[in-house]
Amino acid sequence: MTKRTLAAAAAALALTACATPGQVAQGPSTATAALGETVRIGDTNLVPLALVEDSRCPATVQCIHAGTVRLQLRLDEPAGSRTATIALGQPIAAGASWLHLTAACPNRTTPAAIPNSRYRFRFALLPREITPELADDCE
């Protein structure tokens, strides 16, 4: 991969933020989805089924570790359907690519639980040689 390709991938990921659910961005295969919503990313349909964990440290709290978000999803790939659990910064195999959970919005600002209806999840499907940066902005 060239530096130009990596820069283009990073720029496209930054532009996707946590936009309107179901929105598919231009460039690398990216999508933003709400729980229960089907989106297409590359040649795969995915549905976030359930929030398994949101242990991210709220902005108003001092934490020992940053925490994570884990999400159960259904993947409908050309080879068949399966369920999987994905976490921020821990991609899962999807064909010849990696599926990344790059953001979970909104960010936690207080220890109070976030209603499931407010969550938006950003995904990126990238060749295995590209690793996206996690986004902490939900604008």
C-alpha atoms as a PDB file:
ATOM      1  CA  MET A   1       0.000   0.000   0.000  1.00  0.00           C
ATOM      2  CA  THR A   2       1.238   3.443  -0.775  1.00  0.00           C
ATOM      3  CA  LYS A   3       1.114   6.381   1.596  1.00  0.00           C
ATOM      4  CA  ARG A   4      -1.438   8.017  -0.715  1.00  0.00           C
ATOM      5  CA  THR A   5      -3.771   4.967  -0.451  1.00  0.00           C
ATOM      6  CA  LEU A   6      -3.452   4.923   3.336  1.00  0.00           C
ATOM      7  CA  ALA A   7      -4.101   8.662   3.516  1.00  0.00           C
ATOM      8  CA  ALA A   8      -7.200   8.323   1.322  1.00  0.00           C
ATOM      9  CA  ALA A   9      -8.537   5.501   3.489  1.00  0.00           C
ATOM     10  CA  ALA A  10      -7.951   7.512   6.664  1.00  0.00           C
ATOM     11  CA  ALA A  11      -9.615  10.590   5.179  1.00  0.00           C
ATOM     12  CA  ALA A  12     -12.668   8.618   4.085  1.00  0.00           C
ATOM     13  CA  LEU A  13     -13.002   7.059   7.521  1.00  0.00           C
ATOM     14  CA  ALA A  14     -12.786  10.458   9.173  1.00  0.00           C
ATOM     15  CA  LEU A  15     -15.553  11.793   6.938  1.00  0.00           C
ATOM     16  CA  THR A  16     -18.001   9.049   7.915  1.00  0.00           C
ATOM     17  CA  ALA A  17     -18.235  10.060  11.630  1.00  0.00           C
ATOM     18  CA  CYS A  18     -21.460   8.778  13.181  1.00  0.00           C
ATOM     19  CA  ALA A  19     -23.763  10.113  10.552  1.00  0.00           C
ATOM     20  CA  THR A  20     -27.312   9.177   9.715  1.00  0.00           C
ATOM     21  CA  PRO A  21     -28.002   5.440  10.177  1.00  0.00           C
ATOM     22  CA  GLY A  22     -27.773   3.447   6.979  1.00  0.00           C
ATOM     23  CA  GLN A  23     -25.545   6.037   5.324  1.00  0.00           C
ATOM     24  CA  VAL A  24     -22.771   4.552   3.210  1.00  0.00           C
ATOM     25  CA  ALA A  25     -19.763   6.766   2.572  1.00  0.00           C
ATOM     26  CA  GLN A  26     -17.685   7.011  -0.576  1.00  0.00           C
ATOM     27  CA  GLY A  27     -14.211   5.472  -0.731  1.00  0.00           C
ATOM     28  CA  PRO A  28     -13.325   2.497   1.455  1.00  0.00           C
ATOM     29  CA  SER A  29     -16.330   0.411   2.414  1.00  0.00           C
ATOM     30  CA  THR A  30     -17.812   2.121   5.447  1.00  0.00           C
ATOM     31  CA  ALA A  31     -21.266   2.289   6.976  1.00  0.00           C
ATOM     32  CA  THR A  32     -23.058   3.581  10.056  1.00  0.00           C
ATOM     33  CA  ALA A  33     -25.914   1.608  11.596  1.00  0.00           C
ATOM     34  CA  ALA A  34     -28.257   1.615  14.571  1.00  0.00           C
ATOM     35  CA  LEU A  35     -29.189  -1.504  16.513  1.00  0.00           C
ATOM     36  CA  GLY A  36     -31.470  -3.714  14.399  1.00  0.00           C
ATOM     37  CA  GLU A  37     -30.727  -1.842  11.178  1.00  0.00           C
ATOM     38  CA  THR A  38     -29.392  -3.643   8.092  1.00  0.00           C
ATOM     39  CA  VAL A  39     -26.622  -1.905   6.149  1.00  0.00           C
ATOM     40  CA  ARG A  40     -24.511  -3.040   3.214  1.00  0.00           C
ATOM     41  CA  ILE A  41     -20.753  -2.788   3.434  1.00  0.00           C
ATOM     42  CA  GLY A  42     -18.761  -4.185   0.535  1.00  0.00           C
ATOM     43  CA  ASP A  43     -20.539  -7.392  -0.505  1.00  0.00           C
ATOM     44  CA  THR A  44     -21.820  -8.038   3.021  1.00  0.00           C
ATOM     45  CA  ASN A  45     -25.045  -7.071   4.746  1.00  0.00           C
ATOM     46  CA  LEU A  46     -24.628  -6.562   8.464  1.00  0.00           C
ATOM     47  CA  VAL A  47     -27.098  -6.028  11.278  1.00  0.00           C
ATOM     48  CA  PRO A  48     -26.048  -4.880  14.761  1.00  0.00           C
ATOM     49  CA  LEU A  49     -28.162  -7.203  16.925  1.00  0.00           C
ATOM     50  CA  ALA A  50     -27.287  -6.342  20.520  1.00  0.00           C
ATOM     51  CA  LEU A  51     -24.974  -4.217  22.596  1.00  0.00           C
ATOM     52  CA  VAL A  52     -22.951  -6.729  24.615  1.00  0.00           C
ATOM     53  CA  GLU A  53     -20.817  -4.235  26.527  1.00  0.00           C
ATOM     54  CA  ASP A  54     -20.209  -0.509  26.789  1.00  0.00           C
ATOM     55  CA  SER A  55     -17.536  -0.120  29.437  1.00  0.00           C
ATOM     56  CA  ARG A  56     -16.022   3.067  27.991  1.00  0.00           C
ATOM     57  CA  CYS A  57     -14.898   5.501  30.640  1.00  0.00           C
ATOM     58  CA  PRO A  58     -17.243   8.513  30.894  1.00  0.00           C
ATOM     59  CA  ALA A  59     -15.604  11.895  30.371  1.00  0.00           C
ATOM     60  CA  THR A  60     -16.587  12.956  33.917  1.00  0.00           C
ATOM     61  CA  VAL A  61     -14.931   9.968  35.610  1.00  0.00           C
ATOM     62  CA  GLN A  62     -11.284   9.056  36.164  1.00  0.00           C
ATOM     63  CA  CYS A  63     -10.834   5.399  35.144  1.00  0.00           C
ATOM     64  CA  ILE A  64      -8.030   2.865  35.402  1.00  0.00           C
ATOM     65  CA  HIS A  65      -8.654   1.694  31.822  1.00  0.00           C
ATOM     66  CA  ALA A  66     -10.524   3.170  28.876  1.00  0.00           C
ATOM     67  CA  GLY A  67     -13.001   0.299  28.473  1.00  0.00           C
ATOM     68  CA  THR A  68     -14.527  -0.865  25.209  1.00  0.00           C
ATOM     69  CA  VAL A  69     -17.698  -1.495  23.258  1.00  0.00           C
ATOM     70  CA  ARG A  70     -18.631  -5.008  22.182  1.00  0.00           C
ATOM     71  CA  LEU A  71     -21.440  -5.629  19.752  1.00  0.00           C
ATOM     72  CA  GLN A  72     -23.160  -8.782  18.532  1.00  0.00           C
ATOM     73  CA  LEU A  73     -23.970  -8.632  14.835  1.00  0.00           C
ATOM     74  CA  ARG A  74     -25.232 -10.768  11.998  1.00  0.00           C
ATOM     75  CA  LEU A  75     -23.180 -10.915   8.822  1.00  0.00           C
ATOM     76  CA  ASP A  76     -24.819 -12.032   5.577  1.00  0.00           C
ATOM     77  CA  GLU A  77     -21.822 -12.725   3.358  1.00  0.00           C
ATOM     78  CA  PRO A  78     -21.661 -14.383  -0.075  1.00  0.00           C
ATOM     79  CA  ALA A  79     -20.440 -17.561   1.669  1.00  0.00           C
ATOM     80  CA  GLY A  80     -23.410 -17.580   4.091  1.00  0.00           C
ATOM     81  CA  SER A  81     -24.783 -15.991   7.245  1.00  0.00           C
ATOM     82  CA  ARG A  82     -23.225 -15.971  10.705  1.00  0.00           C
ATOM     83  CA  THR A  83     -23.321 -14.093  13.976  1.00  0.00           C
ATOM     84  CA  ALA A  84     -20.202 -12.646  15.532  1.00  0.00           C
ATOM     85  CA  THR A  85     -19.114 -10.350  18.327  1.00  0.00           C
ATOM     86  CA  ILE A  86     -16.939  -7.386  17.403  1.00  0.00           C
ATOM     87  CA  ALA A  87     -15.182  -4.904  19.697  1.00  0.00           C
ATOM     88  CA  LEU A  88     -13.640  -1.486  19.182  1.00  0.00           C
ATOM     89  CA  GLY A  89     -10.106  -1.969  17.870  1.00  0.00           C
ATOM     90  CA  GLN A  90     -10.507  -5.738  17.386  1.00  0.00           C
ATOM     91  CA  PRO A  91     -11.462  -6.508  13.776  1.00  0.00           C
ATOM     92  CA  ILE A  92     -13.051  -9.746  12.642  1.00  0.00           C
ATOM     93  CA  ALA A  93     -12.446 -11.577   9.362  1.00  0.00           C
ATOM     94  CA  ALA A  94     -14.962 -10.910   6.604  1.00  0.00           C
ATOM     95  CA  GLY A  95     -13.925 -12.690   3.430  1.00  0.00           C
ATOM     96  CA  ALA A  96     -10.499 -11.422   2.361  1.00  0.00           C
ATOM     97  CA  SER A  97     -10.959  -8.266   4.446  1.00  0.00           C
ATOM     98  CA  TRP A  98     -11.204  -7.182   8.051  1.00  0.00           C
ATOM     99  CA  LEU A  99     -14.408  -5.706   9.444  1.00  0.00           C
ATOM    100  CA  HIS A 100     -13.599  -2.990  11.984  1.00  0.00           C
ATOM    101  CA  LEU A 101     -15.891  -1.357  14.521  1.00  0.00           C
ATOM    102  CA  THR A 102     -14.326   2.100  14.396  1.00  0.00           C
ATOM    103  CA  ALA A 103     -16.744   4.106  16.560  1.00  0.00           C
ATOM    104  CA  ALA A 104     -19.696   3.794  18.888  1.00  0.00           C
ATOM    105  CA  CYS A 105     -21.710   6.963  19.317  1.00  0.00           C
ATOM    106  CA  PRO A 106     -22.615   8.854  21.338  1.00  0.00           C
ATOM    107  CA  ASN A 107     -19.513   9.075  23.481  1.00  0.00           C
ATOM    108  CA  ARG A 108     -20.075   8.418  27.159  1.00  0.00           C
ATOM    109  CA  THR A 109     -20.138  11.721  29.002  1.00  0.00           C
ATOM    110  CA  THR A 110     -21.629  10.534  32.324  1.00  0.00           C
ATOM    111  CA  PRO A 111     -21.907   7.199  34.138  1.00  0.00           C
ATOM    112  CA  ALA A 112     -25.624   7.040  33.212  1.00  0.00           C
ATOM    113  CA  ALA A 113     -26.635   4.349  30.732  1.00  0.00           C
ATOM    114  CA  ILE A 114     -27.112   5.383  27.105  1.00  0.00           C
ATOM    115  CA  PRO A 115     -30.496   4.279  25.713  1.00  0.00           C
ATOM    116  CA  ASN A 116     -30.062   1.614  23.011  1.00  0.00           C
ATOM    117  CA  SER A 117     -32.063   3.759  20.563  1.00  0.00           C
ATOM    118  CA  ARG A 118     -29.345   6.471  20.641  1.00  0.00           C
ATOM    119  CA  TYR A 119     -26.417   4.224  19.670  1.00  0.00           C
ATOM    120  CA  ARG A 120     -24.880   4.463  16.201  1.00  0.00           C
ATOM    121  CA  PHE A 121     -22.036   2.165  15.197  1.00  0.00           C
ATOM    122  CA  ARG A 122     -19.473   2.943  12.498  1.00  0.00           C
ATOM    123  CA  PHE A 123     -17.913   0.082  10.556  1.00  0.00           C
ATOM    124  CA  ALA A 124     -15.097  -0.122   8.011  1.00  0.00           C
ATOM    125  CA  LEU A 125     -14.356  -3.050   5.725  1.00  0.00           C
ATOM    126  CA  LEU A 126     -10.721  -2.803   4.720  1.00  0.00           C
ATOM    127  CA  PRO A 127      -8.016  -4.967   3.177  1.00  0.00           C
ATOM    128  CA  ARG A 128      -6.059  -6.765   5.851  1.00  0.00           C
ATOM    129  CA  GLU A 129      -3.015  -4.534   5.344  1.00  0.00           C
ATOM    130  CA  ILE A 130      -4.841  -1.324   6.371  1.00  0.00           C
ATOM    131  CA  THR A 131      -5.632  -0.595  10.021  1.00  0.00           C
ATOM    132  CA  PRO A 132      -7.960   2.369  10.621  1.00  0.00           C
ATOM    133  CA  GLU A 133      -7.635   4.686  13.568  1.00  0.00           C
ATOM    134  CA  LEU A 134     -10.417   4.546  16.130  1.00  0.00           C
ATOM    135  CA  ALA A 135     -12.564   7.654  16.207  1.00  0.00           C
ATOM    136  CA  ASP A 136     -13.501   9.299  19.475  1.00  0.00           C
ATOM    137  CA  ASP A 137     -15.528  12.066  17.895  1.00  0.00           C
ATOM    138  CA  CYS A 138     -19.209  11.546  17.233  1.00  0.00           C
ATOM    139  CA  GLU A 139     -19.947  14.756  15.383  1.00  0.00           C
END
